[in-house]
Amino acid sequence: MASVDGLQYRALYEYKKDREEDLSLCPGDLLTVSRAGHACVDYKEGDERNPQGWLNGFNERTKEWGDFPGTYVEYLGPVRIVAATPKSRPRPLPPMPTGAPSSNLWDDLY
């Protein structure tokens, strides 16, 4: 499993999403933002403590990713984000086809 640096926030206010890519917030929701996703052109060290623009993160309560207003949250501190390794799901193979193939593609090509 890989891990990256992240930032954790807590929602202070309710926010009802305006767009499909937004997150709805309820007071107390924990939100995780990757540090790489937080850095933008105008970013300065310390800006994470008082975010003014839109942030993209993960809502722990709803298990959804999306954008939310930085002015609706309080900074809690750095957090380690652990990317889960996808679990392999055993999948049975389909049954072997029966009968002869309709044509031999290799013969048709040459």
PDB file of N, CA and C in Angstrom:
ATOM      1  N   MET A   1       0.830  -1.182   0.000  1.00  0.00           N
ATOM      2  CA  MET A   1       0.000   0.000   0.000  1.00  0.00           C
ATOM      3  C   MET A   1       0.873   1.242   0.000  1.00  0.00           C
ATOM      4  N   ALA A   2       0.504   2.196  -0.834  1.00  0.00           N
ATOM      5  CA  ALA A   2       1.224   3.451  -0.902  1.00  0.00           C
ATOM      6  C   ALA A   2       0.565   4.457   0.026  1.00  0.00           C
ATOM      7  N   SER A   3       1.354   5.406   0.515  1.00  0.00           N
ATOM      8  CA  SER A   3       0.773   6.448   1.350  1.00  0.00           C
ATOM      9  C   SER A   3       1.304   7.795   0.892  1.00  0.00           C
ATOM     10  N   VAL A   4       0.492   8.822   1.062  1.00  0.00           N
ATOM     11  CA  VAL A   4       0.872  10.172   0.681  1.00  0.00           C
ATOM     12  C   VAL A   4       0.478  11.106   1.817  1.00  0.00           C
ATOM     13  N   ASP A   5       1.060  12.283   1.781  1.00  0.00           N
ATOM     14  CA  ASP A   5       0.723  13.277   2.785  1.00  0.00           C
ATOM     15  C   ASP A   5      -0.623  13.905   2.467  1.00  0.00           C
ATOM     16  N   GLY A   6      -1.404  14.106   3.506  1.00  0.00           N
ATOM     17  CA  GLY A   6      -2.694  14.747   3.345  1.00  0.00           C
ATOM     18  C   GLY A   6      -2.945  15.735   4.466  1.00  0.00           C
ATOM     19  N   LEU A   7      -4.042  16.433   4.353  1.00  0.00           N
ATOM     20  CA  LEU A   7      -4.458  17.412   5.343  1.00  0.00           C
ATOM     21  C   LEU A   7      -5.875  17.060   5.762  1.00  0.00           C
ATOM     22  N   GLN A   8      -6.158  17.188   7.051  1.00  0.00           N
ATOM     23  CA  GLN A   8      -7.497  16.853   7.516  1.00  0.00           C
ATOM     24  C   GLN A   8      -8.207  18.109   8.005  1.00  0.00           C
ATOM     25  N   TYR A   9      -9.496  18.183   7.656  1.00  0.00           N
ATOM     26  CA  TYR A   9     -10.343  19.307   8.025  1.00  0.00           C
ATOM     27  C   TYR A   9     -11.625  18.781   8.657  1.00  0.00           C
ATOM     28  N   ARG A  10     -12.286  19.663   9.428  1.00  0.00           N
ATOM     29  CA  ARG A  10     -13.593  19.335   9.990  1.00  0.00           C
ATOM     30  C   ARG A  10     -14.568  20.411   9.513  1.00  0.00           C
ATOM     31  N   ALA A  11     -15.724  19.971   9.023  1.00  0.00           N
ATOM     32  CA  ALA A  11     -16.742  20.914   8.568  1.00  0.00           C
ATOM     33  C   ALA A  11     -17.334  21.661   9.756  1.00  0.00           C
ATOM     34  N   LEU A  12     -17.435  22.973   9.618  1.00  0.00           N
ATOM     35  CA  LEU A  12     -18.030  23.814  10.657  1.00  0.00           C
ATOM     36  C   LEU A  12     -19.478  24.166  10.335  1.00  0.00           C
ATOM     37  N   TYR A  13     -19.799  24.163   9.050  1.00  0.00           N
ATOM     38  CA  TYR A  13     -21.119  24.587   8.598  1.00  0.00           C
ATOM     39  C   TYR A  13     -21.702  23.567   7.636  1.00  0.00           C
ATOM     40  N   GLU A  14     -23.003  23.608   7.500  1.00  0.00           N
ATOM     41  CA  GLU A  14     -23.666  22.771   6.504  1.00  0.00           C
ATOM     42  C   GLU A  14     -23.463  23.406   5.129  1.00  0.00           C
ATOM     43  N   TYR A  15     -23.241  22.570   4.140  1.00  0.00           N
ATOM     44  CA  TYR A  15     -23.134  23.034   2.759  1.00  0.00           C
ATOM     45  C   TYR A  15     -23.893  22.057   1.881  1.00  0.00           C
ATOM     46  N   LYS A  16     -24.845  22.569   1.131  1.00  0.00           N
ATOM     47  CA  LYS A  16     -25.588  21.738   0.182  1.00  0.00           C
ATOM     48  C   LYS A  16     -24.969  21.949  -1.191  1.00  0.00           C
ATOM     49  N   LYS A  17     -24.576  20.850  -1.807  1.00  0.00           N
ATOM     50  CA  LYS A  17     -23.840  20.968  -3.065  1.00  0.00           C
ATOM     51  C   LYS A  17     -24.671  21.624  -4.157  1.00  0.00           C
ATOM     52  N   ASP A  18     -23.986  22.467  -4.945  1.00  0.00           N
ATOM     53  CA  ASP A  18     -24.597  23.164  -6.078  1.00  0.00           C
ATOM     54  C   ASP A  18     -24.386  22.415  -7.379  1.00  0.00           C
ATOM     55  N   ARG A  19     -23.294  21.672  -7.448  1.00  0.00           N
ATOM     56  CA  ARG A  19     -22.918  20.963  -8.679  1.00  0.00           C
ATOM     57  C   ARG A  19     -22.684  19.495  -8.371  1.00  0.00           C
ATOM     58  N   GLU A  20     -22.715  18.694  -9.399  1.00  0.00           N
ATOM     59  CA  GLU A  20     -22.515  17.248  -9.255  1.00  0.00           C
ATOM     60  C   GLU A  20     -21.156  16.927  -8.636  1.00  0.00           C
ATOM     61  N   GLU A  21     -20.120  17.718  -8.955  1.00  0.00           N
ATOM     62  CA  GLU A  21     -18.771  17.425  -8.464  1.00  0.00           C
ATOM     63  C   GLU A  21     -18.519  17.935  -7.045  1.00  0.00           C
ATOM     64  N   ASP A  22     -19.499  18.598  -6.429  1.00  0.00           N
ATOM     65  CA  ASP A  22     -19.349  19.108  -5.074  1.00  0.00           C
ATOM     66  C   ASP A  22     -19.672  18.036  -4.034  1.00  0.00           C
ATOM     67  N   LEU A  23     -19.230  18.288  -2.809  1.00  0.00           N
ATOM     68  CA  LEU A  23     -19.582  17.464  -1.646  1.00  0.00           C
ATOM     69  C   LEU A  23     -20.565  18.233  -0.778  1.00  0.00           C
ATOM     70  N   SER A  24     -21.574  17.561  -0.297  1.00  0.00           N
ATOM     71  CA  SER A  24     -22.419  18.152   0.737  1.00  0.00           C
ATOM     72  C   SER A  24     -21.700  17.967   2.069  1.00  0.00           C
ATOM     73  N   LEU A  25     -21.829  18.956   2.944  1.00  0.00           N
ATOM     74  CA  LEU A  25     -21.173  18.893   4.248  1.00  0.00           C
ATOM     75  C   LEU A  25     -22.195  19.039   5.362  1.00  0.00           C
ATOM     76  N   CYS A  26     -21.956  18.339   6.438  1.00  0.00           N
ATOM     77  CA  CYS A  26     -22.683  18.515   7.697  1.00  0.00           C
ATOM     78  C   CYS A  26     -21.646  18.889   8.741  1.00  0.00           C
ATOM     79  N   PRO A  27     -22.010  19.757   9.699  1.00  0.00           N
ATOM     80  CA  PRO A  27     -21.046  20.102  10.742  1.00  0.00           C
ATOM     81  C   PRO A  27     -20.487  18.847  11.405  1.00  0.00           C
ATOM     82  N   GLY A  28     -19.175  18.813  11.548  1.00  0.00           N
ATOM     83  CA  GLY A  28     -18.512  17.668  12.161  1.00  0.00           C
ATOM     84  C   GLY A  28     -17.933  16.681  11.167  1.00  0.00           C
ATOM     85  N   ASP A  29     -18.323  16.763   9.889  1.00  0.00           N
ATOM     86  CA  ASP A  29     -17.760  15.853   8.882  1.00  0.00           C
ATOM     87  C   ASP A  29     -16.248  16.001   8.843  1.00  0.00           C
ATOM     88  N   LEU A  30     -15.541  14.865   8.749  1.00  0.00           N
ATOM     89  CA  LEU A  30     -14.087  14.878   8.584  1.00  0.00           C
ATOM     90  C   LEU A  30     -13.774  14.770   7.104  1.00  0.00           C
ATOM     91  N   LEU A  31     -12.898  15.641   6.633  1.00  0.00           N
ATOM     92  CA  LEU A  31     -12.538  15.714   5.219  1.00  0.00           C
ATOM     93  C   LEU A  31     -11.039  15.586   5.081  1.00  0.00           C
ATOM     94  N   THR A  32     -10.614  14.796   4.114  1.00  0.00           N
ATOM     95  CA  THR A  32      -9.193  14.597   3.869  1.00  0.00           C
ATOM     96  C   THR A  32      -8.867  15.125   2.475  1.00  0.00           C
ATOM     97  N   VAL A  33      -7.829  15.949   2.412  1.00  0.00           N
ATOM     98  CA  VAL A  33      -7.380  16.563   1.166  1.00  0.00           C
ATOM     99  C   VAL A  33      -5.929  16.166   0.960  1.00  0.00           C
ATOM    100  N   SER A  34      -5.587  15.708  -0.246  1.00  0.00           N
ATOM    101  CA  SER A  34      -4.181  15.378  -0.481  1.00  0.00           C
ATOM    102  C   SER A  34      -3.383  16.670  -0.556  1.00  0.00           C
ATOM    103  N   ARG A  35      -2.184  16.644  -0.015  1.00  0.00           N
ATOM    104  CA  ARG A  35      -1.343  17.844  -0.022  1.00  0.00           C
ATOM    105  C   ARG A  35      -1.026  18.260  -1.461  1.00  0.00           C
ATOM    106  N   ALA A  36      -0.845  17.291  -2.336  1.00  0.00           N
ATOM    107  CA  ALA A  36      -0.547  17.600  -3.736  1.00  0.00           C
ATOM    108  C   ALA A  36      -1.735  18.298  -4.388  1.00  0.00           C
ATOM    109  N   GLY A  37      -2.939  17.869  -4.055  1.00  0.00           N
ATOM    110  CA  GLY A  37      -4.132  18.487  -4.618  1.00  0.00           C
ATOM    111  C   GLY A  37      -4.401  19.861  -4.039  1.00  0.00           C
ATOM    112  N   HIS A  38      -3.836  20.146  -2.877  1.00  0.00           N
ATOM    113  CA  HIS A  38      -4.042  21.431  -2.216  1.00  0.00           C
ATOM    114  C   HIS A  38      -3.148  22.497  -2.822  1.00  0.00           C
ATOM    115  N   ALA A  39      -1.979  22.084  -3.263  1.00  0.00           N
ATOM    116  CA  ALA A  39      -1.025  23.046  -3.814  1.00  0.00           C
ATOM    117  C   ALA A  39      -1.510  23.541  -5.173  1.00  0.00           C
ATOM    118  N   CYS A  40      -1.632  24.837  -5.305  1.00  0.00           N
ATOM    119  CA  CYS A  40      -2.020  25.433  -6.578  1.00  0.00           C
ATOM    120  C   CYS A  40      -1.043  26.564  -6.886  1.00  0.00           C
ATOM    121  N   VAL A  41      -1.300  27.282  -7.935  1.00  0.00           N
ATOM    122  CA  VAL A  41      -0.378  28.327  -8.387  1.00  0.00           C
ATOM    123  C   VAL A  41      -0.150  29.381  -7.305  1.00  0.00           C
ATOM    124  N   ASP A  42      -1.218  29.799  -6.611  1.00  0.00           N
ATOM    125  CA  ASP A  42      -1.102  30.863  -5.622  1.00  0.00           C
ATOM    126  C   ASP A  42      -0.829  30.354  -4.207  1.00  0.00           C
ATOM    127  N   TYR A  43      -0.573  29.072  -4.048  1.00  0.00           N
ATOM    128  CA  TYR A  43      -0.407  28.471  -2.719  1.00  0.00           C
ATOM    129  C   TYR A  43       0.882  28.935  -2.054  1.00  0.00           C
ATOM    130  N   LYS A  44       0.762  29.308  -0.778  1.00  0.00           N
ATOM    131  CA  LYS A  44       1.926  29.659   0.036  1.00  0.00           C
ATOM    132  C   LYS A  44       1.902  28.780   1.273  1.00  0.00           C
ATOM    133  N   GLU A  45       3.058  28.456   1.815  1.00  0.00           N
ATOM    134  CA  GLU A  45       3.150  27.645   3.029  1.00  0.00           C
ATOM    135  C   GLU A  45       2.296  28.286   4.125  1.00  0.00           C
ATOM    136  N   GLY A  46       1.464  27.499   4.758  1.00  0.00           N
ATOM    137  CA  GLY A  46       0.576  27.997   5.810  1.00  0.00           C
ATOM    138  C   GLY A  46      -0.843  28.266   5.336  1.00  0.00           C
ATOM    139  N   ASP A  47      -1.058  28.319   4.006  1.00  0.00           N
ATOM    140  CA  ASP A  47      -2.399  28.571   3.476  1.00  0.00           C
ATOM    141  C   ASP A  47      -3.389  27.468   3.845  1.00  0.00           C
ATOM    142  N   GLU A  48      -2.877  26.271   4.152  1.00  0.00           N
ATOM    143  CA  GLU A  48      -3.773  25.167   4.492  1.00  0.00           C
ATOM    144  C   GLU A  48      -4.556  25.450   5.777  1.00  0.00           C
ATOM    145  N   ARG A  49      -4.026  26.332   6.631  1.00  0.00           N
ATOM    146  CA  ARG A  49      -4.683  26.631   7.909  1.00  0.00           C
ATOM    147  C   ARG A  49      -5.925  27.507   7.744  1.00  0.00           C
ATOM    148  N   ASN A  50      -5.975  28.301   6.707  1.00  0.00           N
ATOM    149  CA  ASN A  50      -7.116  29.186   6.439  1.00  0.00           C
ATOM    150  C   ASN A  50      -7.452  29.153   4.948  1.00  0.00           C
ATOM    151  N   PRO A  51      -7.944  28.032   4.459  1.00  0.00           N
ATOM    152  CA  PRO A  51      -8.210  27.936   3.021  1.00  0.00           C
ATOM    153  C   PRO A  51      -9.318  28.897   2.596  1.00  0.00           C
ATOM    154  N   GLN A  52      -9.102  29.566   1.504  1.00  0.00           N
ATOM    155  CA  GLN A  52     -10.069  30.558   1.028  1.00  0.00           C
ATOM    156  C   GLN A  52     -10.837  30.090  -0.210  1.00  0.00           C
ATOM    157  N   GLY A  53     -10.266  29.221  -0.997  1.00  0.00           N
ATOM    158  CA  GLY A  53     -10.910  28.781  -2.228  1.00  0.00           C
ATOM    159  C   GLY A  53     -11.608  27.448  -2.063  1.00  0.00           C
ATOM    160  N   TRP A  54     -11.752  26.770  -3.162  1.00  0.00           N
ATOM    161  CA  TRP A  54     -12.355  25.439  -3.180  1.00  0.00           C
ATOM    162  C   TRP A  54     -11.277  24.393  -2.951  1.00  0.00           C
ATOM    163  N   LEU A  55     -11.614  23.381  -2.175  1.00  0.00           N
ATOM    164  CA  LEU A  55     -10.723  22.250  -1.935  1.00  0.00           C
ATOM    165  C   LEU A  55     -11.364  21.002  -2.531  1.00  0.00           C
ATOM    166  N   ASN A  56     -10.543  20.048  -2.890  1.00  0.00           N
ATOM    167  CA  ASN A  56     -11.043  18.768  -3.370  1.00  0.00           C
ATOM    168  C   ASN A  56     -10.597  17.717  -2.380  1.00  0.00           C
ATOM    169  N   GLY A  57     -11.556  16.973  -1.854  1.00  0.00           N
ATOM    170  CA  GLY A  57     -11.196  15.999  -0.844  1.00  0.00           C
ATOM    171  C   GLY A  57     -12.215  14.888  -0.701  1.00  0.00           C
ATOM    172  N   PHE A  58     -12.009  14.099   0.337  1.00  0.00           N
ATOM    173  CA  PHE A  58     -12.807  12.912   0.623  1.00  0.00           C
ATOM    174  C   PHE A  58     -13.561  13.132   1.924  1.00  0.00           C
ATOM    175  N   ASN A  59     -14.879  12.923   1.889  1.00  0.00           N
ATOM    176  CA  ASN A  59     -15.706  13.046   3.084  1.00  0.00           C
ATOM    177  C   ASN A  59     -15.787  11.671   3.730  1.00  0.00           C
ATOM    178  N   GLU A  60     -15.276  11.556   4.958  1.00  0.00           N
ATOM    179  CA  GLU A  60     -15.241  10.265   5.653  1.00  0.00           C
ATOM    180  C   GLU A  60     -16.645   9.738   5.958  1.00  0.00           C
ATOM    181  N   ARG A  61     -17.595  10.622   6.183  1.00  0.00           N
ATOM    182  CA  ARG A  61     -18.955  10.188   6.506  1.00  0.00           C
ATOM    183  C   ARG A  61     -19.676   9.621   5.287  1.00  0.00           C
ATOM    184  N   THR A  62     -19.611  10.341   4.176  1.00  0.00           N
ATOM    185  CA  THR A  62     -20.350   9.920   2.980  1.00  0.00           C
ATOM    186  C   THR A  62     -19.547   8.998   2.078  1.00  0.00           C
ATOM    187  N   LYS A  63     -18.226   8.923   2.308  1.00  0.00           N
ATOM    188  CA  LYS A  63     -17.324   8.120   1.472  1.00  0.00           C
ATOM    189  C   LYS A  63     -17.320   8.605   0.024  1.00  0.00           C
ATOM    190  N   GLU A  64     -17.423   9.916  -0.159  1.00  0.00           N
ATOM    191  CA  GLU A  64     -17.443  10.511  -1.495  1.00  0.00           C
ATOM    192  C   GLU A  64     -16.305  11.507  -1.652  1.00  0.00           C
ATOM    193  N   TRP A  65     -15.842  11.652  -2.903  1.00  0.00           N
ATOM    194  CA  TRP A  65     -14.846  12.657  -3.276  1.00  0.00           C
ATOM    195  C   TRP A  65     -15.562  13.829  -3.910  1.00  0.00           C
ATOM    196  N   GLY A  66     -15.035  15.028  -3.735  1.00  0.00           N
ATOM    197  CA  GLY A  66     -15.608  16.179  -4.410  1.00  0.00           C
ATOM    198  C   GLY A  66     -15.031  17.484  -3.913  1.00  0.00           C
ATOM    199  N   ASP A  67     -15.587  18.575  -4.420  1.00  0.00           N
ATOM    200  CA  ASP A  67     -15.140  19.922  -4.071  1.00  0.00           C
ATOM    201  C   ASP A  67     -16.004  20.476  -2.939  1.00  0.00           C
ATOM    202  N   PHE A  68     -15.371  21.281  -2.091  1.00  0.00           N
ATOM    203  CA  PHE A  68     -16.101  21.945  -1.019  1.00  0.00           C
ATOM    204  C   PHE A  68     -15.414  23.268  -0.712  1.00  0.00           C
ATOM    205  N   PRO A  69     -16.168  24.236  -0.178  1.00  0.00           N
ATOM    206  CA  PRO A  69     -15.575  25.545   0.104  1.00  0.00           C
ATOM    207  C   PRO A  69     -14.660  25.508   1.327  1.00  0.00           C
ATOM    208  N   GLY A  70     -13.458  26.010   1.157  1.00  0.00           N
ATOM    209  CA  GLY A  70     -12.482  26.020   2.235  1.00  0.00           C
ATOM    210  C   GLY A  70     -12.905  26.867   3.422  1.00  0.00           C
ATOM    211  N   THR A  71     -13.762  27.841   3.194  1.00  0.00           N
ATOM    212  CA  THR A  71     -14.207  28.716   4.281  1.00  0.00           C
ATOM    213  C   THR A  71     -15.234  28.037   5.190  1.00  0.00           C
ATOM    214  N   TYR A  72     -15.678  26.838   4.844  1.00  0.00           N
ATOM    215  CA  TYR A  72     -16.657  26.103   5.651  1.00  0.00           C
ATOM    216  C   TYR A  72     -16.006  25.104   6.597  1.00  0.00           C
ATOM    217  N   VAL A  73     -14.676  25.030   6.615  1.00  0.00           N
ATOM    218  CA  VAL A  73     -13.988  24.002   7.391  1.00  0.00           C
ATOM    219  C   VAL A  73     -12.902  24.604   8.276  1.00  0.00           C
ATOM    220  N   GLU A  74     -12.500  23.814   9.281  1.00  0.00           N
ATOM    221  CA  GLU A  74     -11.348  24.191  10.098  1.00  0.00           C
ATOM    222  C   GLU A  74     -10.255  23.154   9.897  1.00  0.00           C
ATOM    223  N   TYR A  75      -9.039  23.635   9.910  1.00  0.00           N
ATOM    224  CA  TYR A  75      -7.863  22.786   9.723  1.00  0.00           C
ATOM    225  C   TYR A  75      -7.588  22.000  10.998  1.00  0.00           C
ATOM    226  N   LEU A  76      -7.420  20.682  10.868  1.00  0.00           N
ATOM    227  CA  LEU A  76      -7.095  19.838  12.019  1.00  0.00           C
ATOM    228  C   LEU A  76      -5.629  19.450  12.055  1.00  0.00           C
ATOM    229  N   GLY A  77      -5.006  19.293  10.880  1.00  0.00           N
ATOM    230  CA  GLY A  77      -3.597  18.932  10.847  1.00  0.00           C
ATOM    231  C   GLY A  77      -3.266  17.964   9.739  1.00  0.00           C
ATOM    232  N   PRO A  78      -1.984  17.606   9.666  1.00  0.00           N
ATOM    233  CA  PRO A  78      -1.557  16.656   8.632  1.00  0.00           C
ATOM    234  C   PRO A  78      -2.068  15.257   8.964  1.00  0.00           C
ATOM    235  N   VAL A  79      -2.251  14.486   7.923  1.00  0.00           N
ATOM    236  CA  VAL A  79      -2.717  13.107   8.079  1.00  0.00           C
ATOM    237  C   VAL A  79      -2.071  12.270   6.984  1.00  0.00           C
ATOM    238  N   ARG A  80      -1.875  11.013   7.262  1.00  0.00           N
ATOM    239  CA  ARG A  80      -1.310  10.078   6.290  1.00  0.00           C
ATOM    240  C   ARG A  80      -2.468   9.431   5.547  1.00  0.00           C
ATOM    241  N   ILE A  81      -2.457   9.523   4.233  1.00  0.00           N
ATOM    242  CA  ILE A  81      -3.484   8.898   3.405  1.00  0.00           C
ATOM    243  C   ILE A  81      -2.911   7.590   2.894  1.00  0.00           C
ATOM    244  N   VAL A  82      -3.581   6.512   3.173  1.00  0.00           N
ATOM    245  CA  VAL A  82      -3.131   5.206   2.711  1.00  0.00           C
ATOM    246  C   VAL A  82      -4.048   4.777   1.575  1.00  0.00           C
ATOM    247  N   ALA A  83      -3.466   4.635   0.411  1.00  0.00           N
ATOM    248  CA  ALA A  83      -4.237   4.187  -0.749  1.00  0.00           C
ATOM    249  C   ALA A  83      -4.411   2.685  -0.662  1.00  0.00           C
ATOM    250  N   ALA A  84      -5.634   2.275  -0.651  1.00  0.00           N
ATOM    251  CA  ALA A  84      -5.929   0.845  -0.548  1.00  0.00           C
ATOM    252  C   ALA A  84      -5.556   0.134  -1.843  1.00  0.00           C
ATOM    253  N   THR A  85      -4.966  -1.018  -1.679  1.00  0.00           N
ATOM    254  CA  THR A  85      -4.666  -1.853  -2.830  1.00  0.00           C
ATOM    255  C   THR A  85      -5.954  -2.558  -3.234  1.00  0.00           C
ATOM    256  N   PRO A  86      -6.336  -2.454  -4.507  1.00  0.00           N
ATOM    257  CA  PRO A  86      -7.575  -3.108  -4.905  1.00  0.00           C
ATOM    258  C   PRO A  86      -7.509  -4.605  -4.636  1.00  0.00           C
ATOM    259  N   LYS A  87      -8.574  -5.118  -4.068  1.00  0.00           N
ATOM    260  CA  LYS A  87      -8.632  -6.549  -3.788  1.00  0.00           C
ATOM    261  C   LYS A  87      -8.952  -7.284  -5.076  1.00  0.00           C
ATOM    262  N   SER A  88      -8.222  -8.381  -5.276  1.00  0.00           N
ATOM    263  CA  SER A  88      -8.545  -9.175  -6.451  1.00  0.00           C
ATOM    264  C   SER A  88      -9.807  -9.967  -6.149  1.00  0.00           C
ATOM    265  N   ARG A  89     -10.729  -9.876  -7.066  1.00  0.00           N
ATOM    266  CA  ARG A  89     -11.976 -10.604  -6.891  1.00  0.00           C
ATOM    267  C   ARG A  89     -11.931 -11.815  -7.801  1.00  0.00           C
ATOM    268  N   PRO A  90     -11.973 -13.000  -7.225  1.00  0.00           N
ATOM    269  CA  PRO A  90     -11.965 -14.185  -8.070  1.00  0.00           C
ATOM    270  C   PRO A  90     -13.166 -14.146  -8.997  1.00  0.00           C
ATOM    271  N   ARG A  91     -12.907 -14.385 -10.249  1.00  0.00           N
ATOM    272  CA  ARG A  91     -13.977 -14.352 -11.235  1.00  0.00           C
ATOM    273  C   ARG A  91     -13.875 -15.604 -12.077  1.00  0.00           C
ATOM    274  N   PRO A  92     -14.937 -16.400 -12.105  1.00  0.00           N
ATOM    275  CA  PRO A  92     -14.861 -17.623 -12.898  1.00  0.00           C
ATOM    276  C   PRO A  92     -14.799 -17.306 -14.387  1.00  0.00           C
ATOM    277  N   LEU A  93     -14.093 -18.157 -15.105  1.00  0.00           N
ATOM    278  CA  LEU A  93     -14.023 -18.003 -16.551  1.00  0.00           C
ATOM    279  C   LEU A  93     -15.334 -18.456 -17.175  1.00  0.00           C
ATOM    280  N   PRO A  94     -15.716 -17.854 -18.297  1.00  0.00           N
ATOM    281  CA  PRO A  94     -16.924 -18.328 -18.966  1.00  0.00           C
ATOM    282  C   PRO A  94     -16.675 -19.717 -19.547  1.00  0.00           C
ATOM    283  N   PRO A  95     -17.731 -20.467 -19.815  1.00  0.00           N
ATOM    284  CA  PRO A  95     -17.536 -21.799 -20.381  1.00  0.00           C
ATOM    285  C   PRO A  95     -16.889 -21.694 -21.762  1.00  0.00           C
ATOM    286  N   MET A  96     -16.131 -22.736 -22.124  1.00  0.00           N
ATOM    287  CA  MET A  96     -15.483 -22.770 -23.443  1.00  0.00           C
ATOM    288  C   MET A  96     -16.556 -22.821 -24.520  1.00  0.00           C
ATOM    289  N   PRO A  97     -16.344 -22.064 -25.584  1.00  0.00           N
ATOM    290  CA  PRO A  97     -17.307 -22.132 -26.677  1.00  0.00           C
ATOM    291  C   PRO A  97     -17.299 -23.532 -27.300  1.00  0.00           C
ATOM    292  N   THR A  98     -18.420 -23.933 -27.785  1.00  0.00           N
ATOM    293  CA  THR A  98     -18.505 -25.234 -28.442  1.00  0.00           C
ATOM    294  C   THR A  98     -18.669 -25.042 -29.932  1.00  0.00           C
ATOM    295  N   GLY A  99     -18.320 -26.029 -30.687  1.00  0.00           N
ATOM    296  CA  GLY A  99     -18.449 -25.956 -32.146  1.00  0.00           C
ATOM    297  C   GLY A  99     -17.222 -25.351 -32.780  1.00  0.00           C
ATOM    298  N   ALA A 100     -17.203 -25.353 -34.070  1.00  0.00           N
ATOM    299  CA  ALA A 100     -16.068 -24.836 -34.842  1.00  0.00           C
ATOM    300  C   ALA A 100     -16.194 -23.328 -34.987  1.00  0.00           C
ATOM    301  N   PRO A 101     -15.061 -22.625 -35.018  1.00  0.00           N
ATOM    302  CA  PRO A 101     -15.118 -21.190 -35.259  1.00  0.00           C
ATOM    303  C   PRO A 101     -15.747 -20.919 -36.623  1.00  0.00           C
ATOM    304  N   SER A 102     -16.403 -19.773 -36.752  1.00  0.00           N
ATOM    305  CA  SER A 102     -17.103 -19.465 -38.001  1.00  0.00           C
ATOM    306  C   SER A 102     -16.155 -19.297 -39.172  1.00  0.00           C
ATOM    307  N   SER A 103     -14.953 -18.797 -38.925  1.00  0.00           N
ATOM    308  CA  SER A 103     -13.954 -18.706 -40.005  1.00  0.00           C
ATOM    309  C   SER A 103     -12.583 -18.660 -39.357  1.00  0.00           C
ATOM    310  N   ASN A 104     -11.584 -18.981 -40.116  1.00  0.00           N
ATOM    311  CA  ASN A 104     -10.213 -18.906 -39.627  1.00  0.00           C
ATOM    312  C   ASN A 104      -9.671 -17.555 -40.029  1.00  0.00           C
ATOM    313  N   LEU A 105      -9.560 -16.644 -39.096  1.00  0.00           N
ATOM    314  CA  LEU A 105      -9.128 -15.277 -39.380  1.00  0.00           C
ATOM    315  C   LEU A 105      -7.742 -15.211 -39.977  1.00  0.00           C
ATOM    316  N   TRP A 106      -6.861 -16.101 -39.568  1.00  0.00           N
ATOM    317  CA  TRP A 106      -5.490 -16.078 -40.088  1.00  0.00           C
ATOM    318  C   TRP A 106      -5.475 -16.402 -41.574  1.00  0.00           C
ATOM    319  N   ASP A 107      -6.289 -17.358 -42.002  1.00  0.00           N
ATOM    320  CA  ASP A 107      -6.340 -17.697 -43.433  1.00  0.00           C
ATOM    321  C   ASP A 107      -6.886 -16.534 -44.231  1.00  0.00           C
ATOM    322  N   ASP A 108      -7.843 -15.803 -43.675  1.00  0.00           N
ATOM    323  CA  ASP A 108      -8.433 -14.667 -44.385  1.00  0.00           C
ATOM    324  C   ASP A 108      -7.448 -13.520 -44.561  1.00  0.00           C
ATOM    325  N   LEU A 109      -6.491 -13.397 -43.638  1.00  0.00           N
ATOM    326  CA  LEU A 109      -5.526 -12.303 -43.707  1.00  0.00           C
ATOM    327  C   LEU A 109      -4.425 -12.557 -44.726  1.00  0.00           C
ATOM    328  N   TYR A 110      -4.143 -13.818 -45.048  1.00  0.00           N
ATOM    329  CA  TYR A 110      -3.022 -14.128 -45.947  1.00  0.00           C
ATOM    330  C   TYR A 110      -3.483 -14.683 -47.248  1.00  0.00           C
TER     331      TYR A 110
END
